[in-house]
N, C-alpha and C. Protein backbone atom coordinates (compact mmCIF):
# COMPACT_ATOMS: atom_id res chain seq x y z
N MET A 1 -35.50 -30.69 37.97
CA MET A 1 -35.29 -29.36 37.45
C MET A 1 -33.79 -29.07 37.30
N ARG A 2 -32.99 -29.51 38.27
CA ARG A 2 -31.55 -29.30 38.22
C ARG A 2 -30.96 -30.01 37.01
N MET A 3 -31.41 -31.22 36.71
CA MET A 3 -30.93 -31.99 35.57
C MET A 3 -31.22 -31.26 34.26
N LEU A 4 -32.37 -30.66 34.17
CA LEU A 4 -32.75 -29.91 32.98
C LEU A 4 -31.84 -28.70 32.80
N ARG A 5 -31.47 -28.02 33.89
CA ARG A 5 -30.60 -26.86 33.82
C ARG A 5 -29.20 -27.27 33.36
N LEU A 6 -28.68 -28.40 33.88
CA LEU A 6 -27.36 -28.88 33.46
C LEU A 6 -27.35 -29.22 31.97
N THR A 7 -28.38 -29.83 31.51
CA THR A 7 -28.47 -30.18 30.10
C THR A 7 -28.52 -28.93 29.24
N LYS A 8 -29.26 -27.93 29.71
CA LYS A 8 -29.34 -26.67 28.96
C LYS A 8 -27.98 -25.98 28.94
N GLU A 9 -27.27 -25.99 30.08
CA GLU A 9 -25.93 -25.40 30.14
C GLU A 9 -24.96 -26.15 29.23
N LEU A 10 -25.08 -27.48 29.24
CA LEU A 10 -24.22 -28.30 28.38
C LEU A 10 -24.48 -27.99 26.90
N MET A 11 -25.73 -27.85 26.55
CA MET A 11 -26.09 -27.54 25.16
C MET A 11 -25.54 -26.16 24.75
N GLU A 12 -25.61 -25.19 25.65
CA GLU A 12 -25.07 -23.87 25.34
C GLU A 12 -23.55 -23.93 25.19
N ASP A 13 -22.92 -24.73 26.08
CA ASP A 13 -21.46 -24.90 26.01
C ASP A 13 -21.07 -25.55 24.67
N LEU A 14 -21.80 -26.59 24.27
CA LEU A 14 -21.50 -27.26 23.00
C LEU A 14 -21.68 -26.31 21.81
N ALA A 15 -22.69 -25.47 21.87
CA ALA A 15 -22.95 -24.53 20.77
C ALA A 15 -21.83 -23.51 20.63
N ASN A 16 -21.14 -23.21 21.75
CA ASN A 16 -20.05 -22.23 21.70
C ASN A 16 -18.72 -22.86 21.31
N ARG A 17 -18.64 -24.16 21.28
CA ARG A 17 -17.39 -24.83 20.90
C ARG A 17 -17.23 -24.79 19.38
N PRO A 18 -15.97 -24.85 18.90
CA PRO A 18 -15.77 -24.86 17.45
C PRO A 18 -16.31 -26.15 16.82
N GLN A 19 -16.60 -26.09 15.56
CA GLN A 19 -17.15 -27.22 14.82
C GLN A 19 -16.02 -27.96 14.12
N CYS A 20 -16.04 -29.28 14.18
CA CYS A 20 -15.03 -30.10 13.51
C CYS A 20 -15.14 -29.94 11.99
N PRO A 21 -14.04 -29.62 11.31
CA PRO A 21 -14.11 -29.45 9.85
C PRO A 21 -14.32 -30.76 9.10
N GLU A 22 -14.07 -31.89 9.75
CA GLU A 22 -14.21 -33.20 9.11
C GLU A 22 -15.66 -33.69 9.14
N CYS A 23 -16.25 -33.74 10.35
CA CYS A 23 -17.58 -34.34 10.48
C CYS A 23 -18.66 -33.34 10.90
N GLY A 24 -18.26 -32.12 11.29
CA GLY A 24 -19.23 -31.10 11.66
C GLY A 24 -19.71 -31.16 13.11
N SER A 25 -19.16 -32.06 13.90
CA SER A 25 -19.58 -32.24 15.29
C SER A 25 -19.08 -31.09 16.17
N HIS A 26 -19.84 -30.80 17.23
CA HIS A 26 -19.41 -29.82 18.22
C HIS A 26 -18.84 -30.51 19.46
N PHE A 27 -18.78 -31.85 19.45
CA PHE A 27 -18.22 -32.60 20.56
C PHE A 27 -16.70 -32.61 20.43
N VAL A 28 -16.09 -31.49 20.79
CA VAL A 28 -14.64 -31.34 20.69
C VAL A 28 -14.09 -30.92 22.05
N VAL A 29 -12.83 -31.25 22.29
CA VAL A 29 -12.15 -30.87 23.53
C VAL A 29 -10.83 -30.20 23.17
N LYS A 30 -10.35 -29.36 24.07
CA LYS A 30 -9.05 -28.73 23.84
C LYS A 30 -7.98 -29.80 23.81
N ASP A 31 -7.00 -29.62 22.92
CA ASP A 31 -5.96 -30.63 22.73
C ASP A 31 -4.59 -29.98 22.58
N GLY A 32 -4.28 -29.05 23.48
CA GLY A 32 -2.96 -28.42 23.46
C GLY A 32 -2.91 -27.24 22.51
N LYS A 33 -1.67 -26.78 22.29
CA LYS A 33 -1.45 -25.65 21.39
C LYS A 33 -0.39 -26.00 20.38
N GLN A 34 -0.54 -25.44 19.20
CA GLN A 34 0.44 -25.62 18.14
C GLN A 34 0.69 -24.26 17.53
N TRP A 35 1.98 -23.85 17.50
CA TRP A 35 2.36 -22.54 17.00
C TRP A 35 1.63 -21.43 17.74
N GLY A 36 1.37 -21.64 19.03
CA GLY A 36 0.72 -20.64 19.86
C GLY A 36 -0.79 -20.56 19.69
N LYS A 37 -1.37 -21.44 18.92
CA LYS A 37 -2.82 -21.42 18.70
C LYS A 37 -3.45 -22.67 19.31
N GLN A 38 -4.62 -22.49 19.90
CA GLN A 38 -5.34 -23.59 20.53
C GLN A 38 -5.76 -24.62 19.49
N THR A 39 -5.50 -25.90 19.78
CA THR A 39 -5.98 -26.98 18.91
C THR A 39 -7.05 -27.76 19.65
N TYR A 40 -7.90 -28.42 18.87
CA TYR A 40 -9.01 -29.19 19.42
C TYR A 40 -8.99 -30.60 18.85
N LEU A 41 -9.60 -31.51 19.60
CA LEU A 41 -9.74 -32.90 19.17
C LEU A 41 -11.22 -33.23 19.10
N CYS A 42 -11.67 -33.71 17.97
CA CYS A 42 -13.06 -34.10 17.81
C CYS A 42 -13.24 -35.48 18.45
N LYS A 43 -14.22 -35.60 19.33
CA LYS A 43 -14.46 -36.87 20.01
C LYS A 43 -15.26 -37.84 19.14
N LYS A 44 -15.78 -37.36 18.05
CA LYS A 44 -16.57 -38.22 17.17
C LYS A 44 -15.69 -38.90 16.11
N CYS A 45 -14.85 -38.11 15.42
CA CYS A 45 -14.02 -38.68 14.34
C CYS A 45 -12.52 -38.65 14.67
N PHE A 46 -12.15 -38.10 15.83
CA PHE A 46 -10.77 -38.02 16.31
C PHE A 46 -9.85 -37.18 15.43
N ARG A 47 -10.41 -36.23 14.72
CA ARG A 47 -9.62 -35.31 13.91
C ARG A 47 -9.09 -34.21 14.81
N ARG A 48 -7.81 -33.90 14.67
CA ARG A 48 -7.20 -32.79 15.42
C ARG A 48 -7.19 -31.58 14.49
N PHE A 49 -7.63 -30.42 15.00
CA PHE A 49 -7.72 -29.25 14.13
C PHE A 49 -7.53 -27.96 14.91
N THR A 50 -7.24 -26.90 14.18
CA THR A 50 -7.16 -25.54 14.71
C THR A 50 -8.28 -24.74 14.06
N PRO A 51 -9.19 -24.17 14.86
CA PRO A 51 -10.27 -23.40 14.24
C PRO A 51 -9.74 -22.17 13.50
N ASN A 52 -10.40 -21.81 12.44
CA ASN A 52 -10.05 -20.64 11.63
C ASN A 52 -8.62 -20.68 11.11
N ALA A 53 -8.13 -21.87 10.83
CA ALA A 53 -6.77 -21.99 10.29
C ALA A 53 -6.75 -21.53 8.84
N LYS A 54 -5.61 -20.98 8.40
CA LYS A 54 -5.48 -20.54 7.02
C LYS A 54 -5.42 -21.73 6.08
N HIS A 55 -4.81 -22.82 6.56
CA HIS A 55 -4.73 -24.04 5.75
C HIS A 55 -6.11 -24.67 5.68
N LYS A 56 -6.57 -24.95 4.48
CA LYS A 56 -7.88 -25.53 4.32
C LYS A 56 -7.77 -27.05 4.26
N PHE A 57 -8.43 -27.72 5.16
CA PHE A 57 -8.40 -29.18 5.20
C PHE A 57 -9.29 -29.73 4.11
N ARG A 58 -8.80 -30.73 3.41
CA ARG A 58 -9.60 -31.40 2.38
C ARG A 58 -9.87 -32.83 2.85
N PRO A 59 -11.11 -33.28 2.81
CA PRO A 59 -11.42 -34.65 3.23
C PRO A 59 -10.70 -35.68 2.35
N ARG A 60 -10.47 -36.84 2.92
CA ARG A 60 -9.76 -37.91 2.23
C ARG A 60 -10.43 -38.28 0.90
N HIS A 61 -11.77 -38.30 0.87
CA HIS A 61 -12.45 -38.71 -0.37
C HIS A 61 -12.18 -37.74 -1.52
N ILE A 62 -11.92 -36.46 -1.21
CA ILE A 62 -11.58 -35.50 -2.26
C ILE A 62 -10.19 -35.80 -2.82
N LYS A 63 -9.25 -36.11 -1.94
CA LYS A 63 -7.90 -36.47 -2.38
C LYS A 63 -7.94 -37.72 -3.25
N GLU A 64 -8.69 -38.71 -2.79
CA GLU A 64 -8.80 -39.96 -3.56
C GLU A 64 -9.45 -39.72 -4.92
N GLN A 65 -10.44 -38.83 -4.94
CA GLN A 65 -11.10 -38.51 -6.21
C GLN A 65 -10.11 -37.84 -7.17
N ALA A 66 -9.29 -36.93 -6.66
CA ALA A 66 -8.30 -36.27 -7.50
C ALA A 66 -7.31 -37.27 -8.08
N ILE A 67 -6.84 -38.19 -7.27
CA ILE A 67 -5.90 -39.21 -7.73
C ILE A 67 -6.56 -40.13 -8.75
N ARG A 68 -7.80 -40.51 -8.49
CA ARG A 68 -8.54 -41.37 -9.43
C ARG A 68 -8.72 -40.67 -10.78
N LEU A 69 -9.06 -39.38 -10.75
CA LEU A 69 -9.21 -38.62 -12.00
C LEU A 69 -7.89 -38.57 -12.76
N PHE A 70 -6.79 -38.41 -12.04
CA PHE A 70 -5.48 -38.37 -12.68
C PHE A 70 -5.15 -39.71 -13.33
N VAL A 71 -5.42 -40.79 -12.62
CA VAL A 71 -5.15 -42.13 -13.15
C VAL A 71 -5.97 -42.39 -14.41
N HIS A 72 -7.16 -41.79 -14.47
CA HIS A 72 -8.03 -41.97 -15.65
C HIS A 72 -7.69 -41.02 -16.79
N GLY A 73 -6.58 -40.27 -16.66
CA GLY A 73 -6.09 -39.49 -17.79
C GLY A 73 -6.35 -38.00 -17.73
N ASN A 74 -6.96 -37.48 -16.68
CA ASN A 74 -7.18 -36.04 -16.58
C ASN A 74 -5.88 -35.34 -16.20
N SER A 75 -5.69 -34.14 -16.68
CA SER A 75 -4.50 -33.38 -16.33
C SER A 75 -4.64 -32.81 -14.92
N ILE A 76 -3.52 -32.48 -14.32
CA ILE A 76 -3.54 -31.91 -12.98
C ILE A 76 -4.31 -30.59 -13.00
N ASN A 77 -4.11 -29.81 -14.04
CA ASN A 77 -4.80 -28.52 -14.17
C ASN A 77 -6.32 -28.71 -14.24
N SER A 78 -6.78 -29.68 -15.04
CA SER A 78 -8.23 -29.89 -15.15
C SER A 78 -8.82 -30.41 -13.85
N ILE A 79 -8.07 -31.23 -13.12
CA ILE A 79 -8.53 -31.74 -11.83
C ILE A 79 -8.65 -30.58 -10.84
N ALA A 80 -7.63 -29.72 -10.80
CA ALA A 80 -7.64 -28.58 -9.89
C ALA A 80 -8.84 -27.67 -10.17
N LYS A 81 -9.12 -27.41 -11.44
CA LYS A 81 -10.25 -26.55 -11.79
C LYS A 81 -11.58 -27.22 -11.46
N ALA A 82 -11.71 -28.52 -11.76
CA ALA A 82 -12.96 -29.22 -11.53
C ALA A 82 -13.30 -29.32 -10.03
N LEU A 83 -12.28 -29.53 -9.20
CA LEU A 83 -12.51 -29.69 -7.76
C LEU A 83 -12.36 -28.38 -6.99
N ASP A 84 -12.00 -27.31 -7.71
CA ASP A 84 -11.79 -25.99 -7.11
C ASP A 84 -10.74 -26.05 -5.99
N ILE A 85 -9.60 -26.63 -6.34
CA ILE A 85 -8.48 -26.80 -5.41
C ILE A 85 -7.24 -26.25 -6.11
N PRO A 86 -6.34 -25.58 -5.41
CA PRO A 86 -5.13 -25.04 -6.05
C PRO A 86 -4.29 -26.13 -6.73
N PHE A 87 -3.72 -25.79 -7.87
CA PHE A 87 -2.89 -26.71 -8.65
C PHE A 87 -1.79 -27.35 -7.82
N PRO A 88 -1.00 -26.57 -7.04
CA PRO A 88 0.08 -27.18 -6.26
C PRO A 88 -0.41 -28.22 -5.24
N THR A 89 -1.62 -28.01 -4.71
CA THR A 89 -2.18 -28.97 -3.75
C THR A 89 -2.46 -30.30 -4.44
N VAL A 90 -3.10 -30.25 -5.60
CA VAL A 90 -3.40 -31.48 -6.35
C VAL A 90 -2.10 -32.18 -6.75
N GLN A 91 -1.13 -31.41 -7.20
CA GLN A 91 0.14 -32.00 -7.60
C GLN A 91 0.82 -32.68 -6.42
N LYS A 92 0.77 -32.05 -5.24
CA LYS A 92 1.37 -32.63 -4.04
C LYS A 92 0.69 -33.96 -3.69
N TRP A 93 -0.64 -34.01 -3.79
CA TRP A 93 -1.36 -35.26 -3.49
C TRP A 93 -0.93 -36.36 -4.44
N ILE A 94 -0.84 -36.03 -5.73
CA ILE A 94 -0.48 -37.03 -6.73
C ILE A 94 0.95 -37.50 -6.52
N LYS A 95 1.84 -36.58 -6.24
CA LYS A 95 3.24 -36.95 -6.01
C LYS A 95 3.37 -37.85 -4.78
N LYS A 96 2.68 -37.50 -3.70
CA LYS A 96 2.72 -38.31 -2.48
C LYS A 96 2.16 -39.71 -2.72
N ALA A 97 1.03 -39.76 -3.41
CA ALA A 97 0.41 -41.06 -3.71
C ALA A 97 1.33 -41.89 -4.59
N GLY A 98 2.00 -41.22 -5.53
CA GLY A 98 2.94 -41.92 -6.41
C GLY A 98 4.12 -42.49 -5.67
N GLN A 99 4.68 -41.73 -4.74
CA GLN A 99 5.82 -42.21 -3.97
C GLN A 99 5.43 -43.38 -3.08
N LYS A 100 4.25 -43.31 -2.49
CA LYS A 100 3.77 -44.41 -1.65
C LYS A 100 3.54 -45.66 -2.49
N ALA A 101 2.92 -45.49 -3.64
CA ALA A 101 2.65 -46.63 -4.52
C ALA A 101 3.93 -47.22 -5.08
N GLU A 102 4.92 -46.37 -5.35
CA GLU A 102 6.19 -46.85 -5.88
C GLU A 102 6.85 -47.82 -4.90
N ARG A 103 6.90 -47.46 -3.63
CA ARG A 103 7.50 -48.34 -2.63
C ARG A 103 6.73 -49.66 -2.54
N LYS A 104 5.41 -49.55 -2.52
CA LYS A 104 4.57 -50.75 -2.44
C LYS A 104 4.76 -51.62 -3.67
N PHE A 105 4.81 -50.97 -4.84
CA PHE A 105 4.95 -51.71 -6.09
C PHE A 105 6.27 -52.47 -6.17
N LEU A 106 7.37 -51.82 -5.80
CA LEU A 106 8.66 -52.48 -5.89
C LEU A 106 8.75 -53.69 -4.96
N ARG A 107 8.22 -53.56 -3.76
CA ARG A 107 8.20 -54.71 -2.84
C ARG A 107 7.36 -55.84 -3.43
N LYS A 108 6.20 -55.48 -3.95
CA LYS A 108 5.28 -56.48 -4.51
C LYS A 108 5.88 -57.15 -5.74
N LEU A 109 6.52 -56.37 -6.60
CA LEU A 109 7.11 -56.91 -7.81
C LEU A 109 8.21 -57.93 -7.51
N LEU A 110 9.03 -57.64 -6.53
CA LEU A 110 10.07 -58.60 -6.13
C LEU A 110 9.45 -59.90 -5.65
N THR A 111 8.41 -59.81 -4.84
CA THR A 111 7.73 -61.00 -4.33
C THR A 111 7.12 -61.80 -5.47
N LEU A 112 6.45 -61.10 -6.38
CA LEU A 112 5.79 -61.78 -7.50
C LEU A 112 6.79 -62.46 -8.42
N LYS A 113 7.91 -61.81 -8.62
CA LYS A 113 8.95 -62.38 -9.48
C LYS A 113 9.44 -63.70 -8.90
N LYS A 114 9.64 -63.70 -7.59
CA LYS A 114 10.12 -64.91 -6.93
C LYS A 114 9.09 -66.03 -6.98
N GLU A 115 7.80 -65.69 -6.87
CA GLU A 115 6.73 -66.68 -6.83
C GLU A 115 6.30 -67.13 -8.23
N GLY A 116 6.56 -66.35 -9.27
CA GLY A 116 6.18 -66.71 -10.63
C GLY A 116 4.69 -66.72 -10.88
N LYS A 117 3.93 -65.80 -10.27
CA LYS A 117 2.48 -65.77 -10.39
C LYS A 117 1.95 -64.70 -11.33
N VAL A 118 2.81 -63.98 -12.02
CA VAL A 118 2.39 -62.86 -12.86
C VAL A 118 2.18 -63.30 -14.30
N LYS A 119 1.05 -62.90 -14.88
CA LYS A 119 0.77 -63.17 -16.29
C LYS A 119 1.35 -62.07 -17.17
N ALA A 120 1.10 -60.79 -16.81
CA ALA A 120 1.61 -59.66 -17.59
C ALA A 120 1.68 -58.41 -16.73
N ILE A 121 2.58 -57.51 -17.14
CA ILE A 121 2.71 -56.21 -16.48
C ILE A 121 2.66 -55.15 -17.57
N SER A 122 1.74 -54.18 -17.40
CA SER A 122 1.62 -53.06 -18.35
C SER A 122 2.09 -51.79 -17.65
N ILE A 123 2.98 -51.06 -18.31
CA ILE A 123 3.52 -49.83 -17.73
C ILE A 123 3.27 -48.68 -18.69
N ASP A 124 2.80 -47.56 -18.14
CA ASP A 124 2.58 -46.36 -18.94
C ASP A 124 3.12 -45.17 -18.15
N GLU A 125 3.37 -44.07 -18.84
CA GLU A 125 3.91 -42.89 -18.18
C GLU A 125 3.23 -41.65 -18.74
N ALA A 126 3.22 -40.60 -17.92
CA ALA A 126 2.68 -39.32 -18.34
C ALA A 126 3.64 -38.24 -17.86
N TRP A 127 3.71 -37.14 -18.60
CA TRP A 127 4.62 -36.06 -18.26
C TRP A 127 3.84 -34.82 -17.91
N SER A 128 4.31 -34.11 -16.90
CA SER A 128 3.72 -32.83 -16.53
C SER A 128 4.83 -31.94 -15.98
N PHE A 129 4.53 -30.68 -15.77
CA PHE A 129 5.52 -29.79 -15.17
C PHE A 129 4.81 -28.83 -14.23
N VAL A 130 5.60 -28.24 -13.32
CA VAL A 130 5.06 -27.31 -12.35
C VAL A 130 5.65 -25.94 -12.61
N GLY A 131 4.81 -24.99 -12.94
CA GLY A 131 5.27 -23.62 -13.14
C GLY A 131 5.99 -23.41 -14.46
N LYS A 132 7.12 -24.07 -14.65
CA LYS A 132 7.88 -23.95 -15.89
C LYS A 132 8.38 -25.34 -16.30
N LYS A 133 8.72 -25.47 -17.56
CA LYS A 133 9.06 -26.79 -18.09
C LYS A 133 10.35 -27.37 -17.51
N ASP A 134 11.18 -26.55 -16.89
CA ASP A 134 12.39 -27.08 -16.24
C ASP A 134 12.05 -27.93 -15.03
N ASN A 135 10.89 -27.71 -14.46
CA ASN A 135 10.46 -28.41 -13.25
C ASN A 135 9.50 -29.54 -13.65
N GLU A 136 10.02 -30.57 -14.30
CA GLU A 136 9.16 -31.62 -14.85
C GLU A 136 8.98 -32.78 -13.88
N VAL A 137 7.86 -33.48 -14.05
CA VAL A 137 7.52 -34.65 -13.24
C VAL A 137 6.98 -35.73 -14.18
N TRP A 138 7.45 -36.95 -14.00
CA TRP A 138 6.94 -38.09 -14.75
C TRP A 138 6.10 -38.93 -13.81
N ILE A 139 4.93 -39.32 -14.26
CA ILE A 139 4.03 -40.15 -13.47
C ILE A 139 3.91 -41.49 -14.17
N TRP A 140 4.25 -42.54 -13.47
CA TRP A 140 4.20 -43.90 -14.02
C TRP A 140 2.97 -44.61 -13.49
N SER A 141 2.26 -45.31 -14.36
CA SER A 141 1.17 -46.17 -13.91
C SER A 141 1.48 -47.60 -14.35
N VAL A 142 1.23 -48.54 -13.47
CA VAL A 142 1.56 -49.93 -13.72
C VAL A 142 0.33 -50.79 -13.42
N ILE A 143 0.03 -51.72 -14.32
CA ILE A 143 -1.05 -52.69 -14.10
C ILE A 143 -0.43 -54.08 -14.11
N VAL A 144 -0.65 -54.82 -13.04
CA VAL A 144 -0.12 -56.18 -12.92
C VAL A 144 -1.28 -57.15 -13.06
N GLU A 145 -1.18 -58.06 -14.05
CA GLU A 145 -2.20 -59.09 -14.26
C GLU A 145 -1.66 -60.41 -13.74
N TYR A 146 -2.45 -61.07 -12.89
CA TYR A 146 -2.04 -62.34 -12.30
C TYR A 146 -2.58 -63.51 -13.10
N GLU A 147 -2.00 -64.67 -12.90
CA GLU A 147 -2.45 -65.89 -13.56
C GLU A 147 -3.89 -66.24 -13.18
N ASP A 148 -4.31 -65.90 -11.94
CA ASP A 148 -5.67 -66.23 -11.49
C ASP A 148 -6.72 -65.21 -11.93
N GLY A 149 -6.34 -64.20 -12.76
CA GLY A 149 -7.29 -63.24 -13.31
C GLY A 149 -7.39 -61.92 -12.55
N ARG A 150 -6.80 -61.81 -11.38
CA ARG A 150 -6.83 -60.56 -10.63
C ARG A 150 -5.92 -59.52 -11.30
N THR A 151 -6.23 -58.24 -11.05
CA THR A 151 -5.36 -57.16 -11.51
C THR A 151 -5.15 -56.17 -10.37
N GLU A 152 -3.98 -55.55 -10.36
CA GLU A 152 -3.67 -54.49 -9.39
C GLU A 152 -3.09 -53.32 -10.15
N LYS A 153 -3.40 -52.10 -9.68
CA LYS A 153 -2.93 -50.88 -10.34
C LYS A 153 -2.05 -50.10 -9.38
N TYR A 154 -0.96 -49.52 -9.92
CA TYR A 154 -0.03 -48.73 -9.12
C TYR A 154 0.27 -47.43 -9.85
N LEU A 155 0.62 -46.40 -9.08
CA LEU A 155 0.95 -45.09 -9.63
C LEU A 155 2.12 -44.55 -8.83
N PHE A 156 3.21 -44.10 -9.51
CA PHE A 156 4.31 -43.46 -8.82
C PHE A 156 4.96 -42.41 -9.69
N THR A 157 5.74 -41.52 -9.04
CA THR A 157 6.33 -40.39 -9.74
C THR A 157 7.85 -40.44 -9.67
N GLY A 158 8.49 -39.72 -10.58
CA GLY A 158 9.95 -39.64 -10.62
C GLY A 158 10.39 -39.08 -11.96
N ASP A 159 11.68 -39.22 -12.25
CA ASP A 159 12.15 -38.78 -13.56
C ASP A 159 11.97 -39.92 -14.56
N ARG A 160 12.26 -39.67 -15.82
CA ARG A 160 12.04 -40.68 -16.86
C ARG A 160 13.32 -41.47 -17.07
N SER A 161 13.58 -42.39 -16.14
CA SER A 161 14.78 -43.21 -16.25
C SER A 161 14.48 -44.59 -15.68
N MET A 162 15.30 -45.55 -16.07
CA MET A 162 15.15 -46.89 -15.51
C MET A 162 15.52 -46.89 -14.03
N GLU A 163 16.39 -45.98 -13.62
CA GLU A 163 16.75 -45.91 -12.21
C GLU A 163 15.52 -45.62 -11.35
N THR A 164 14.65 -44.75 -11.85
CA THR A 164 13.42 -44.46 -11.12
C THR A 164 12.59 -45.72 -11.01
N PHE A 165 12.48 -46.44 -12.10
CA PHE A 165 11.66 -47.65 -12.09
C PHE A 165 12.29 -48.76 -11.26
N LEU A 166 13.60 -48.95 -11.41
CA LEU A 166 14.26 -50.04 -10.72
C LEU A 166 14.60 -49.71 -9.28
N LYS A 167 14.82 -48.43 -8.99
CA LYS A 167 15.21 -47.93 -7.68
C LYS A 167 16.37 -48.74 -7.12
N ASP A 168 16.27 -49.16 -5.88
CA ASP A 168 17.38 -49.83 -5.22
C ASP A 168 17.37 -51.33 -5.43
N SER A 169 16.56 -51.81 -6.34
CA SER A 169 16.43 -53.24 -6.52
C SER A 169 17.09 -53.67 -7.82
N GLY A 170 18.28 -54.19 -7.75
CA GLY A 170 18.97 -54.66 -8.94
C GLY A 170 18.40 -55.96 -9.48
N GLU A 171 17.51 -56.61 -8.70
CA GLU A 171 16.97 -57.90 -9.11
C GLU A 171 15.84 -57.77 -10.13
N ILE A 172 15.18 -56.62 -10.19
CA ILE A 172 14.04 -56.47 -11.10
C ILE A 172 14.55 -56.31 -12.53
N THR A 173 13.94 -57.05 -13.45
CA THR A 173 14.34 -56.95 -14.85
C THR A 173 13.28 -56.17 -15.61
N THR A 174 13.63 -55.75 -16.84
CA THR A 174 12.68 -55.00 -17.65
C THR A 174 11.77 -55.94 -18.43
N SER A 175 11.97 -57.19 -18.36
CA SER A 175 11.17 -58.16 -19.10
C SER A 175 9.81 -58.33 -18.45
N THR A 176 8.80 -58.61 -19.27
CA THR A 176 7.46 -58.90 -18.73
C THR A 176 7.35 -60.39 -18.39
N ASN A 177 8.34 -61.18 -18.71
CA ASN A 177 8.33 -62.60 -18.38
C ASN A 177 8.92 -62.81 -16.99
N LEU A 178 8.23 -62.35 -15.99
CA LEU A 178 8.73 -62.48 -14.63
C LEU A 178 8.31 -63.82 -14.12
């Protein structure tokens, strides 16, 4: 009988705990405070969160979907409307993904150039702006085709200059005959 009472108390305690915004679990524990507000840690997915936060968390698959839609030619505005997410949020995701891909791409390109394994490189760019046309952003997409038939795709952001493309690597050439 005592075991049944503990289980019932535990179930009531779990029901009163906040729900994880990532996985929906109630198996959460207190995890300190941030900006004076209690934070929790989900024991199921290990997401750290603040209940009733003004910032709305978006799952990773939504961010990836937004980036995928952008790579397939959709505008930032159409992606924001389709996913019901604010324009600046979508733009921030794309910019972050672009910067991450740019670093990865430049390292990879140097390695490939040295190894001589590249068949072709295709580069395309798209232009967008935030708020007003003075605040412009260029998004570059790159497809690398290997001699063995594999392909890799990259996306990065910056201004429309060779400096953006070449960055700190003076060894990279503009030729596709790498």
